[in-house]
Amino acid sequence: MMADLPPGREGSSFPPEREILPAGEEVRTMRAEGHGQDARCTGSPLRRPQHPYGGHDMSRTEARGIPLSRKNKVGLGLAAALGLLDMTNVVGVLAPDSDGPGPPAGVLVGDAVLGLITVVAVVHAWRTASRTGSRVVAASRILSAITALPALFVTGVPAWVVAVVAVFIVVTVVVIALVLSRPAPEPAAS
């Protein structure tokens, strides 16, 4: 049993109930405070909000994470616009004269679904400042751009369509860079 303890801790409980740091600051484990957790925390009373049904509840500010920067907001706005444009592709499938050249109906429906995913993820990312929401926005925009790439390489596509697709892909790259950019660190208080 003694072999399991770290050096210098023979005869003591592990994890320690209380220990003194070199700076003299006392650290208490949550287990020592009756919370049954191994997480360590500095400062006086360790209190975490309790969820009504048991467990711990994060406050809204703890769950939000880092606030969105101006770059993130611009990127999310552009992504929402691209998502709404993608959702209009359903009109191309429902049009009675769809015999003309263009992408297959499956690609149009897939783009509409990706547009819907983008818009929902933008709303989620904007409201919660969630990095996961931002990543879903970026992933759906990447997939949407991939579905547009064949227009650049297939022969017989009108020049104006190639130009629109090229602009769409460039804007998508900019959106991804803006949405995934991290906010600049706050300057240290003097």
C-alpha atoms as a PDB file:
ATOM      1  CA  MET A   1       0.000   0.000   0.000  1.00  0.00           C
ATOM      2  CA  MET A   2       2.812   2.409   0.820  1.00  0.00           C
ATOM      3  CA  ALA A   3       4.337   1.815  -2.637  1.00  0.00           C
ATOM      4  CA  ASP A   4       1.252   3.392  -4.252  1.00  0.00           C
ATOM      5  CA  LEU A   5       1.837   6.764  -2.585  1.00  0.00           C
ATOM      6  CA  PRO A   6       4.048   9.373  -4.223  1.00  0.00           C
ATOM      7  CA  PRO A   7       7.464   9.995  -2.665  1.00  0.00           C
ATOM      8  CA  GLY A   8       7.298  12.052   0.520  1.00  0.00           C
ATOM      9  CA  ARG A   9       3.690  11.076   1.223  1.00  0.00           C
ATOM     10  CA  GLU A  10       4.250   7.888   3.203  1.00  0.00           C
ATOM     11  CA  GLY A  11       1.749   7.647   6.041  1.00  0.00           C
ATOM     12  CA  SER A  12      -0.530  10.384   4.673  1.00  0.00           C
ATOM     13  CA  SER A  13      -3.846  10.141   2.902  1.00  0.00           C
ATOM     14  CA  PHE A  14      -3.879  10.507  -0.844  1.00  0.00           C
ATOM     15  CA  PRO A  15      -5.174  12.703  -2.303  1.00  0.00           C
ATOM     16  CA  PRO A  16      -4.307  15.073   0.531  1.00  0.00           C
ATOM     17  CA  GLU A  17      -7.137  16.724   2.398  1.00  0.00           C
ATOM     18  CA  ARG A  18      -5.138  19.961   2.618  1.00  0.00           C
ATOM     19  CA  GLU A  19      -1.689  20.933   1.498  1.00  0.00           C
ATOM     20  CA  ILE A  20       0.365  24.099   1.711  1.00  0.00           C
ATOM     21  CA  LEU A  21       1.811  25.510  -1.476  1.00  0.00           C
ATOM     22  CA  PRO A  22       5.265  27.125  -1.531  1.00  0.00           C
ATOM     23  CA  ALA A  23       3.709  30.604  -1.687  1.00  0.00           C
ATOM     24  CA  GLY A  24       1.761  29.815   1.479  1.00  0.00           C
ATOM     25  CA  GLU A  25      -1.580  29.641  -0.318  1.00  0.00           C
ATOM     26  CA  GLU A  26      -3.802  26.879   0.960  1.00  0.00           C
ATOM     27  CA  VAL A  27      -5.380  24.529  -1.562  1.00  0.00           C
ATOM     28  CA  ARG A  28      -8.358  22.380  -0.660  1.00  0.00           C
ATOM     29  CA  THR A  29      -9.624  19.464  -2.619  1.00  0.00           C
ATOM     30  CA  MET A  30     -13.321  19.302  -3.202  1.00  0.00           C
ATOM     31  CA  ARG A  31     -13.332  15.945  -1.457  1.00  0.00           C
ATOM     32  CA  ALA A  32     -12.061  17.667   1.683  1.00  0.00           C
ATOM     33  CA  GLU A  33     -14.988  20.068   1.476  1.00  0.00           C
ATOM     34  CA  GLY A  34     -17.514  17.222   1.278  1.00  0.00           C
ATOM     35  CA  HIS A  35     -18.179  17.419  -2.451  1.00  0.00           C
ATOM     36  CA  GLY A  36     -16.763  13.990  -3.274  1.00  0.00           C
ATOM     37  CA  GLN A  37     -14.732  15.330  -6.200  1.00  0.00           C
ATOM     38  CA  ASP A  38     -10.998  15.147  -6.814  1.00  0.00           C
ATOM     39  CA  ALA A  39     -10.857  18.521  -8.574  1.00  0.00           C
ATOM     40  CA  ARG A  40      -8.683  21.083  -6.823  1.00  0.00           C
ATOM     41  CA  CYS A  41      -9.727  24.614  -6.231  1.00  0.00           C
ATOM     42  CA  THR A  42      -8.103  27.599  -4.531  1.00  0.00           C
ATOM     43  CA  GLY A  43      -9.775  30.129  -2.328  1.00  0.00           C
ATOM     44  CA  SER A  44     -12.304  29.920   0.453  1.00  0.00           C
ATOM     45  CA  PRO A  45     -15.547  27.986   0.466  1.00  0.00           C
ATOM     46  CA  LEU A  46     -15.974  25.690  -2.469  1.00  0.00           C
ATOM     47  CA  ARG A  47     -19.533  26.068  -3.591  1.00  0.00           C
ATOM     48  CA  ARG A  48     -20.892  24.971  -6.912  1.00  0.00           C
ATOM     49  CA  PRO A  49     -24.493  25.530  -7.912  1.00  0.00           C
ATOM     50  CA  GLN A  50     -26.603  22.433  -7.525  1.00  0.00           C
ATOM     51  CA  HIS A  51     -28.916  21.289 -10.281  1.00  0.00           C
ATOM     52  CA  PRO A  52     -32.493  20.744  -9.022  1.00  0.00           C
ATOM     53  CA  TYR A  53     -32.284  17.041  -9.930  1.00  0.00           C
ATOM     54  CA  GLY A  54     -28.824  16.459  -8.470  1.00  0.00           C
ATOM     55  CA  GLY A  55     -25.344  17.036  -9.827  1.00  0.00           C
ATOM     56  CA  HIS A  56     -23.845  20.388 -10.600  1.00  0.00           C
ATOM     57  CA  ASP A  57     -25.350  23.054 -12.785  1.00  0.00           C
ATOM     58  CA  MET A  58     -23.261  25.497 -14.791  1.00  0.00           C
ATOM     59  CA  SER A  59     -24.408  29.059 -14.734  1.00  0.00           C
ATOM     60  CA  ARG A  60     -25.190  30.594 -18.097  1.00  0.00           C
ATOM     61  CA  THR A  61     -21.984  32.607 -18.088  1.00  0.00           C
ATOM     62  CA  GLU A  62     -19.827  29.549 -17.364  1.00  0.00           C
ATOM     63  CA  ALA A  63     -21.391  27.629 -20.240  1.00  0.00           C
ATOM     64  CA  ARG A  64     -20.938  30.423 -22.760  1.00  0.00           C
ATOM     65  CA  GLY A  65     -17.179  30.385 -23.044  1.00  0.00           C
ATOM     66  CA  ILE A  66     -15.223  33.134 -24.757  1.00  0.00           C
ATOM     67  CA  PRO A  67     -17.413  35.888 -26.235  1.00  0.00           C
ATOM     68  CA  LEU A  68     -17.539  36.234 -30.001  1.00  0.00           C
ATOM     69  CA  SER A  69     -15.197  38.737 -31.599  1.00  0.00           C
ATOM     70  CA  ARG A  70     -16.221  41.130 -34.352  1.00  0.00           C
ATOM     71  CA  LYS A  71     -14.534  38.801 -36.884  1.00  0.00           C
ATOM     72  CA  ASN A  72     -16.604  35.859 -35.623  1.00  0.00           C
ATOM     73  CA  LYS A  73     -19.827  37.864 -35.893  1.00  0.00           C
ATOM     74  CA  VAL A  74     -19.059  39.035 -39.447  1.00  0.00           C
ATOM     75  CA  GLY A  75     -18.206  35.458 -40.435  1.00  0.00           C
ATOM     76  CA  LEU A  76     -21.398  34.105 -38.887  1.00  0.00           C
ATOM     77  CA  GLY A  77     -23.444  36.774 -40.676  1.00  0.00           C
ATOM     78  CA  LEU A  78     -21.887  35.893 -44.033  1.00  0.00           C
ATOM     79  CA  ALA A  79     -22.361  32.186 -43.305  1.00  0.00           C
ATOM     80  CA  ALA A  80     -26.051  32.790 -42.561  1.00  0.00           C
ATOM     81  CA  ALA A  81     -26.410  34.628 -45.885  1.00  0.00           C
ATOM     82  CA  LEU A  82     -24.699  31.759 -47.757  1.00  0.00           C
ATOM     83  CA  GLY A  83     -26.878  29.243 -45.908  1.00  0.00           C
ATOM     84  CA  LEU A  84     -30.033  31.117 -46.899  1.00  0.00           C
ATOM     85  CA  LEU A  85     -28.839  31.200 -50.521  1.00  0.00           C
ATOM     86  CA  ASP A  86     -28.220  27.455 -50.369  1.00  0.00           C
ATOM     87  CA  MET A  87     -31.733  26.887 -49.057  1.00  0.00           C
ATOM     88  CA  THR A  88     -33.157  28.582 -52.145  1.00  0.00           C
ATOM     89  CA  ASN A  89     -31.781  25.691 -54.238  1.00  0.00           C
ATOM     90  CA  VAL A  90     -34.977  23.767 -53.462  1.00  0.00           C
ATOM     91  CA  VAL A  91     -36.754  26.123 -55.873  1.00  0.00           C
ATOM     92  CA  GLY A  92     -34.591  24.699 -58.684  1.00  0.00           C
ATOM     93  CA  VAL A  93     -35.836  21.191 -57.895  1.00  0.00           C
ATOM     94  CA  LEU A  94     -39.491  22.257 -57.742  1.00  0.00           C
ATOM     95  CA  ALA A  95     -39.355  24.300 -60.960  1.00  0.00           C
ATOM     96  CA  PRO A  96     -41.432  22.683 -63.742  1.00  0.00           C
ATOM     97  CA  ASP A  97     -38.785  23.399 -66.403  1.00  0.00           C
ATOM     98  CA  SER A  98     -35.778  21.635 -64.871  1.00  0.00           C
ATOM     99  CA  ASP A  99     -34.686  19.934 -68.105  1.00  0.00           C
ATOM    100  CA  GLY A 100     -31.978  22.557 -68.703  1.00  0.00           C
ATOM    101  CA  PRO A 101     -28.348  22.153 -67.722  1.00  0.00           C
ATOM    102  CA  GLY A 102     -27.493  22.400 -64.069  1.00  0.00           C
ATOM    103  CA  PRO A 103     -26.628  20.291 -61.086  1.00  0.00           C
ATOM    104  CA  PRO A 104     -28.580  17.105 -60.381  1.00  0.00           C
ATOM    105  CA  ALA A 105     -31.615  17.366 -58.113  1.00  0.00           C
ATOM    106  CA  GLY A 106     -29.808  15.409 -55.380  1.00  0.00           C
ATOM    107  CA  VAL A 107     -27.040  18.016 -55.230  1.00  0.00           C
ATOM    108  CA  LEU A 108     -29.597  20.831 -55.029  1.00  0.00           C
ATOM    109  CA  VAL A 109     -31.473  19.124 -52.188  1.00  0.00           C
ATOM    110  CA  GLY A 110     -28.179  18.344 -50.426  1.00  0.00           C
ATOM    111  CA  ASP A 111     -27.140  21.998 -50.691  1.00  0.00           C
ATOM    112  CA  ALA A 112     -30.505  23.076 -49.269  1.00  0.00           C
ATOM    113  CA  VAL A 113     -30.012  20.735 -46.301  1.00  0.00           C
ATOM    114  CA  LEU A 114     -26.463  22.058 -45.798  1.00  0.00           C
ATOM    115  CA  GLY A 115     -27.866  25.595 -45.904  1.00  0.00           C
ATOM    116  CA  LEU A 116     -30.396  24.724 -43.215  1.00  0.00           C
ATOM    117  CA  ILE A 117     -27.662  23.151 -41.079  1.00  0.00           C
ATOM    118  CA  THR A 118     -25.571  26.298 -41.537  1.00  0.00           C
ATOM    119  CA  VAL A 119     -28.372  28.633 -40.471  1.00  0.00           C
ATOM    120  CA  VAL A 120     -29.248  26.543 -37.401  1.00  0.00           C
ATOM    121  CA  ALA A 121     -25.577  26.302 -36.408  1.00  0.00           C
ATOM    122  CA  VAL A 122     -25.120  30.065 -36.900  1.00  0.00           C
ATOM    123  CA  VAL A 123     -28.024  30.781 -34.551  1.00  0.00           C
ATOM    124  CA  HIS A 124     -26.619  28.334 -31.991  1.00  0.00           C
ATOM    125  CA  ALA A 125     -23.073  29.716 -32.241  1.00  0.00           C
ATOM    126  CA  TRP A 126     -24.275  33.312 -32.028  1.00  0.00           C
ATOM    127  CA  ARG A 127     -26.482  32.726 -28.973  1.00  0.00           C
ATOM    128  CA  THR A 128     -24.092  30.537 -26.985  1.00  0.00           C
ATOM    129  CA  ALA A 129     -20.648  31.587 -28.309  1.00  0.00           C
ATOM    130  CA  SER A 130     -20.068  27.868 -28.803  1.00  0.00           C
ATOM    131  CA  ARG A 131     -16.926  26.741 -30.608  1.00  0.00           C
ATOM    132  CA  THR A 132     -18.783  23.576 -31.559  1.00  0.00           C
ATOM    133  CA  GLY A 133     -21.443  25.628 -33.332  1.00  0.00           C
ATOM    134  CA  SER A 134     -18.717  27.510 -35.195  1.00  0.00           C
ATOM    135  CA  ARG A 135     -17.120  24.241 -36.265  1.00  0.00           C
ATOM    136  CA  VAL A 136     -20.453  22.928 -37.562  1.00  0.00           C
ATOM    137  CA  VAL A 137     -20.880  26.163 -39.550  1.00  0.00           C
ATOM    138  CA  ALA A 138     -17.407  25.718 -41.052  1.00  0.00           C
ATOM    139  CA  ALA A 139     -17.983  22.042 -41.857  1.00  0.00           C
ATOM    140  CA  SER A 140     -21.308  22.692 -43.581  1.00  0.00           C
ATOM    141  CA  ARG A 141     -19.774  25.542 -45.607  1.00  0.00           C
ATOM    142  CA  ILE A 142     -16.861  23.308 -46.662  1.00  0.00           C
ATOM    143  CA  LEU A 143     -19.242  20.590 -47.825  1.00  0.00           C
ATOM    144  CA  SER A 144     -21.344  23.144 -49.689  1.00  0.00           C
ATOM    145  CA  ALA A 145     -18.248  24.486 -51.471  1.00  0.00           C
ATOM    146  CA  ILE A 146     -17.215  20.950 -52.422  1.00  0.00           C
ATOM    147  CA  THR A 147     -20.589  20.402 -54.104  1.00  0.00           C
ATOM    148  CA  ALA A 148     -20.006  23.566 -56.171  1.00  0.00           C
ATOM    149  CA  LEU A 149     -16.516  22.618 -57.394  1.00  0.00           C
ATOM    150  CA  PRO A 150     -17.647  20.541 -60.423  1.00  0.00           C
ATOM    151  CA  ALA A 151     -19.006  23.706 -62.049  1.00  0.00           C
ATOM    152  CA  LEU A 152     -15.408  24.894 -62.417  1.00  0.00           C
ATOM    153  CA  PHE A 153     -14.267  21.769 -64.264  1.00  0.00           C
ATOM    154  CA  VAL A 154     -17.255  20.558 -66.312  1.00  0.00           C
ATOM    155  CA  THR A 155     -17.377  21.742 -69.915  1.00  0.00           C
ATOM    156  CA  GLY A 156     -20.401  23.568 -71.200  1.00  0.00           C
ATOM    157  CA  VAL A 157     -21.019  25.604 -68.035  1.00  0.00           C
ATOM    158  CA  PRO A 158     -21.731  29.272 -68.864  1.00  0.00           C
ATOM    159  CA  ALA A 159     -18.935  31.698 -67.951  1.00  0.00           C
ATOM    160  CA  TRP A 160     -21.149  33.704 -65.597  1.00  0.00           C
ATOM    161  CA  VAL A 161     -21.927  30.524 -63.591  1.00  0.00           C
ATOM    162  CA  VAL A 162     -18.204  29.748 -63.303  1.00  0.00           C
ATOM    163  CA  ALA A 163     -17.599  33.318 -62.075  1.00  0.00           C
ATOM    164  CA  VAL A 164     -20.413  33.071 -59.495  1.00  0.00           C
ATOM    165  CA  VAL A 165     -19.122  29.720 -58.244  1.00  0.00           C
ATOM    166  CA  ALA A 166     -15.573  31.087 -57.979  1.00  0.00           C
ATOM    167  CA  VAL A 167     -16.799  34.064 -55.927  1.00  0.00           C
ATOM    168  CA  PHE A 168     -18.891  31.689 -53.798  1.00  0.00           C
ATOM    169  CA  ILE A 169     -15.842  29.541 -53.034  1.00  0.00           C
ATOM    170  CA  VAL A 170     -13.668  32.569 -52.188  1.00  0.00           C
ATOM    171  CA  VAL A 171     -16.376  33.965 -49.873  1.00  0.00           C
ATOM    172  CA  THR A 172     -16.711  30.521 -48.266  1.00  0.00           C
ATOM    173  CA  VAL A 173     -12.975  30.417 -47.530  1.00  0.00           C
ATOM    174  CA  VAL A 174     -13.197  33.897 -45.983  1.00  0.00           C
ATOM    175  CA  VAL A 175     -16.236  32.852 -43.916  1.00  0.00           C
ATOM    176  CA  ILE A 176     -14.431  29.783 -42.582  1.00  0.00           C
ATOM    177  CA  ALA A 177     -11.395  31.872 -41.620  1.00  0.00           C
ATOM    178  CA  LEU A 178     -13.576  34.455 -39.853  1.00  0.00           C
ATOM    179  CA  VAL A 179     -15.804  31.972 -38.058  1.00  0.00           C
ATOM    180  CA  LEU A 180     -12.928  29.863 -36.768  1.00  0.00           C
ATOM    181  CA  SER A 181     -10.680  32.782 -35.775  1.00  0.00           C
ATOM    182  CA  ARG A 182     -10.014  33.022 -32.073  1.00  0.00           C
ATOM    183  CA  PRO A 183     -10.476  36.322 -30.298  1.00  0.00           C
ATOM    184  CA  ALA A 184      -7.289  38.219 -29.486  1.00  0.00           C
ATOM    185  CA  PRO A 185      -6.137  37.759 -25.902  1.00  0.00           C
ATOM    186  CA  GLU A 186      -7.070  40.559 -23.572  1.00  0.00           C
ATOM    187  CA  PRO A 187      -4.161  42.778 -22.544  1.00  0.00           C
ATOM    188  CA  ALA A 188      -2.816  42.110 -19.071  1.00  0.00           C
ATOM    189  CA  ALA A 189      -4.007  44.539 -16.420  1.00  0.00           C
ATOM    190  CA  SER A 190      -1.188  46.669 -15.058  1.00  0.00           C
END
